[in-house]
Amino acid sequence: MLMEVANRADLHSTRVLSLDAAGRILDWISWQDAACLYVRDAVAWTLGDPCLTVHGGHNRALGVQSQLALHPIIASTGHCHEHAVDPAPALTNSALFARDRHLCLYCGEHFSRGELTRDHVQPVSRGGRDEWENVVSACVACNLRKSNRTPQQAHMPLLAVPYRPSWVEHLILSNRNILSDQMDFLVSHLPRDRRRAMG
C-alpha cells in the first residue's frame, strides 16, 4: 500500500482516533490499523473529512488502482466493556511531563523532557505511592533540594495539585499531531471544568 500525503513525516505522525460503535473513545491507532478495519468491513461509522488516502493494487480487468480514504475518527463495529470507558492512563514520565506541561511544579520554570524528573510529593520512603495523585514534574535542582521531605517540610509549595488525567485528557496529551476534527471531538468529551484549559 502507498500513501498520498504531503510529506513522509505525515505518514508516520498521523494517527486515527478509534471509537466503538456506541461512540466510546478507545485509543489512537495507526493508519495501517485503521486501513485494516476498513478492509475487514469493521467500520461502523466515521467523522470528519478524509485525512489520508491509501493506494492499493491495480485491478487488471479495469486497469484502475484501488483507493481507500481514511477518516480522522472511525468507530469500529462492536462495543467496549463498561469498565473500559475511562481507564486509568499508564503513569509514565512522558505522560506526567505532558500533564504538567513540562513545568517544574516547584519553581515554575519550563524544561525539556531530559531536564525533568518525577518527584513524589509524599516521599515513597514515608509511605507515598507512585500514583498520579502523588507525583509531579520537577527539575533536577528542585528535586534535589526537596530531597526526602514533603513540600511543607522543604518550604517548597506546589504550584498545582497533582491529579489523575481522564482517558480523554491522556489522549490529548499523548499526541502532538492531533487534527482539528479529532481535537474538537475530544474536547467535547472533557469534563466542563477542564475544557477551557485544553481547548
Protein backbone atom coordinates (compact mmCIF):
# COMPACT_ATOMS: atom_id res chain seq x y z
CA MET A 1 0.00 0.00 0.00
CA LEU A 2 1.17 3.53 -0.78
CA MET A 3 0.07 6.71 0.95
CA GLU A 4 -0.92 10.00 -0.66
CA VAL A 5 0.37 12.51 1.89
CA ALA A 6 2.04 15.92 1.80
CA ASN A 7 5.33 14.54 3.10
CA ARG A 8 6.72 11.39 4.62
CA ALA A 9 6.59 12.81 8.17
CA ASP A 10 2.77 12.99 7.87
CA LEU A 11 2.70 9.27 7.12
CA HIS A 12 4.20 8.39 10.50
CA SER A 13 2.75 11.22 12.61
CA THR A 14 -0.92 10.94 11.60
CA ARG A 15 -2.96 8.76 13.91
CA VAL A 16 -6.64 7.89 13.75
CA LEU A 17 -8.94 8.22 16.76
CA SER A 18 -10.69 4.89 17.36
CA LEU A 19 -14.16 4.61 18.90
CA ASP A 20 -16.51 1.71 19.47
CA ALA A 21 -19.90 1.58 17.69
CA ALA A 22 -21.58 3.44 20.58
CA GLY A 23 -19.10 6.33 20.23
CA ARG A 24 -16.98 5.49 23.29
CA ILE A 25 -13.41 6.70 22.87
CA LEU A 26 -10.92 3.85 22.75
CA ASP A 27 -7.41 4.96 21.69
CA TRP A 28 -5.17 6.26 18.93
CA ILE A 29 -4.44 3.74 16.19
CA SER A 30 -2.01 3.82 13.27
CA TRP A 31 -3.18 4.41 9.69
CA GLN A 32 -2.29 0.76 8.99
CA ASP A 33 -4.64 -0.48 11.73
CA ALA A 34 -7.34 1.89 10.50
CA ALA A 35 -6.94 0.60 6.94
CA CYS A 36 -7.33 -2.98 8.21
CA LEU A 37 -10.65 -2.06 9.84
CA TYR A 38 -11.91 -0.62 6.55
CA VAL A 39 -10.75 -3.66 4.54
CA ARG A 40 -12.38 -6.08 7.03
CA ASP A 41 -15.61 -4.04 6.78
CA ALA A 42 -15.39 -3.42 10.52
CA VAL A 43 -16.03 0.36 10.39
CA ALA A 44 -19.49 1.23 11.73
CA TRP A 45 -19.27 4.98 11.00
CA THR A 46 -16.78 7.84 10.63
CA LEU A 47 -16.43 11.52 11.48
CA GLY A 48 -14.53 14.31 9.77
CA ASP A 49 -13.24 14.71 6.24
CA PRO A 50 -10.81 12.05 5.00
CA CYS A 51 -7.27 12.80 6.19
CA LEU A 52 -5.24 10.20 4.28
CA THR A 53 -5.68 8.19 1.09
CA VAL A 54 -4.25 4.68 0.85
CA HIS A 55 -3.48 3.33 -2.63
CA GLY A 56 -3.65 -0.44 -3.10
CA GLY A 57 -3.16 -2.75 -6.05
CA HIS A 58 -4.33 -2.42 -9.65
CA ASN A 59 -7.41 -4.18 -10.97
CA ARG A 60 -6.24 -5.96 -14.15
CA ALA A 61 -9.69 -6.09 -15.72
CA LEU A 62 -10.47 -2.41 -15.15
CA GLY A 63 -6.91 -1.05 -15.13
CA VAL A 64 -7.56 1.12 -12.09
CA GLN A 65 -5.79 1.30 -8.76
CA SER A 66 -7.82 0.78 -5.61
CA GLN A 67 -8.02 3.66 -3.14
CA LEU A 68 -9.14 3.90 0.45
CA ALA A 69 -9.90 7.26 2.10
CA LEU A 70 -9.21 7.17 5.83
CA HIS A 71 -11.16 9.45 8.17
CA PRO A 72 -9.63 11.05 11.29
CA ILE A 73 -12.22 9.42 13.59
CA ILE A 74 -13.56 5.92 12.99
CA ALA A 75 -15.98 3.83 15.01
CA SER A 76 -15.44 0.10 14.72
CA THR A 77 -18.21 -2.45 14.92
CA GLY A 78 -18.73 -3.90 18.39
CA HIS A 79 -18.80 -2.35 21.83
CA CYS A 80 -16.18 -1.96 24.54
CA HIS A 81 -16.78 -3.18 28.09
CA GLU A 82 -18.22 -0.63 30.52
CA HIS A 83 -15.09 -0.70 32.73
CA ALA A 84 -13.02 0.33 29.71
CA VAL A 85 -14.89 3.62 29.20
CA ASP A 86 -12.43 5.70 31.23
CA PRO A 87 -9.42 3.50 32.00
CA ALA A 88 -6.62 4.91 34.12
CA PRO A 89 -3.84 6.11 31.81
CA ALA A 90 -0.47 4.49 32.48
CA LEU A 91 1.77 6.65 34.66
CA THR A 92 4.89 7.24 32.58
CA ASN A 93 7.33 10.13 32.75
CA SER A 94 6.28 11.27 29.26
CA ALA A 95 2.61 11.36 30.29
CA LEU A 96 3.43 13.05 33.61
CA PHE A 97 5.55 15.77 31.99
CA ALA A 98 2.82 16.35 29.40
CA ARG A 99 0.18 16.64 32.16
CA ASP A 100 2.34 19.24 33.92
CA ARG A 101 3.11 20.99 30.59
CA HIS A 102 6.85 20.46 31.05
CA LEU A 103 6.93 22.81 34.02
CA CYS A 104 8.68 22.16 37.31
CA LEU A 105 5.78 22.39 39.77
CA TYR A 106 8.11 23.82 42.41
CA CYS A 107 9.97 26.64 40.65
CA GLY A 108 7.56 27.11 37.73
CA GLU A 109 10.26 27.08 35.05
CA HIS A 110 9.79 25.29 31.72
CA PHE A 111 12.19 22.40 30.98
CA SER A 112 12.85 19.85 28.26
CA ARG A 113 11.95 16.22 28.87
CA GLY A 114 15.57 15.34 29.67
CA GLU A 115 15.76 18.04 32.35
CA LEU A 116 12.69 16.89 34.30
CA THR A 117 12.30 14.20 36.94
CA ARG A 118 9.36 12.50 38.63
CA ASP A 119 9.01 13.76 42.21
CA HIS A 120 6.85 12.04 44.81
CA VAL A 121 5.03 14.74 46.79
CA GLN A 122 4.79 12.39 49.78
CA PRO A 123 8.15 10.55 49.53
CA VAL A 124 7.95 6.80 48.92
CA SER A 125 10.15 6.27 51.99
CA ARG A 126 7.42 7.99 54.04
CA GLY A 127 4.57 5.89 52.68
CA GLY A 128 3.91 7.86 49.49
CA ARG A 129 2.72 5.92 46.47
CA ASP A 130 3.81 6.01 42.86
CA GLU A 131 0.44 7.20 41.51
CA TRP A 132 -0.89 10.18 39.59
CA GLU A 133 -2.19 11.99 42.68
CA ASN A 134 1.23 11.85 44.39
CA VAL A 135 3.66 12.74 41.59
CA VAL A 136 4.68 15.97 39.89
CA SER A 137 7.25 17.09 37.36
CA ALA A 138 10.30 18.64 39.00
CA CYS A 139 13.58 19.95 37.65
CA VAL A 140 16.71 18.21 38.92
CA ALA A 141 17.68 21.15 41.15
CA CYS A 142 14.29 21.33 42.87
CA ASN A 143 14.08 17.55 43.26
CA LEU A 144 17.50 17.50 44.94
CA ARG A 145 16.60 20.48 47.14
CA LYS A 146 13.31 18.91 48.25
CA SER A 147 15.10 15.63 48.89
CA ASN A 148 13.28 13.14 51.12
CA ARG A 149 10.82 15.68 52.54
CA THR A 150 7.27 16.81 51.92
CA PRO A 151 6.80 20.20 50.19
CA GLN A 152 5.78 21.69 53.55
CA GLN A 153 8.91 20.39 55.29
CA ALA A 154 11.10 21.68 52.45
CA HIS A 155 9.27 25.05 52.34
CA MET A 156 8.61 24.43 48.63
CA PRO A 157 4.87 24.86 47.98
CA LEU A 158 3.42 23.13 44.93
CA LEU A 159 2.19 25.38 42.11
CA ALA A 160 -0.62 22.93 41.21
CA VAL A 161 -2.34 19.95 42.77
CA PRO A 162 -1.42 16.63 41.13
CA TYR A 163 -4.34 14.71 39.61
CA ARG A 164 -5.07 11.65 37.51
CA PRO A 165 -5.91 12.76 33.97
CA SER A 166 -9.04 11.31 32.42
CA TRP A 167 -8.55 8.96 29.46
CA VAL A 168 -9.61 11.78 27.08
CA GLU A 169 -7.07 14.19 28.60
CA HIS A 170 -4.43 11.49 28.31
CA LEU A 171 -5.20 11.04 24.59
CA ILE A 172 -4.92 14.80 24.04
CA LEU A 173 -1.64 14.98 25.94
CA SER A 174 -0.14 11.93 24.25
CA ASN A 175 -0.48 13.07 20.62
CA ARG A 176 1.36 16.13 19.31
CA ASN A 177 -0.26 15.88 15.88
CA ILE A 178 -3.98 15.97 16.63
CA LEU A 179 -6.13 17.00 13.66
CA SER A 180 -8.77 19.69 14.24
CA ASP A 181 -11.71 17.26 13.85
CA GLN A 182 -10.11 14.98 16.44
CA MET A 183 -9.39 17.82 18.89
CA ASP A 184 -12.94 19.18 18.63
CA PHE A 185 -14.35 15.72 19.31
CA LEU A 186 -12.03 15.03 22.25
CA VAL A 187 -12.54 18.44 23.89
CA SER A 188 -16.33 17.95 23.66
CA HIS A 189 -15.87 14.82 25.82
CA LEU A 190 -13.84 16.53 28.56
CA PRO A 191 -15.42 17.43 31.90
CA ARG A 192 -16.72 21.01 31.64
CA ASP A 193 -14.20 22.37 34.15
CA ARG A 194 -11.27 21.14 32.03
CA ARG A 195 -12.49 22.10 28.54
CA ARG A 196 -11.24 25.68 28.79
CA ALA A 197 -7.70 24.61 29.71
CA MET A 198 -7.45 22.10 26.86
CA GLY A 199 -9.38 23.85 24.11
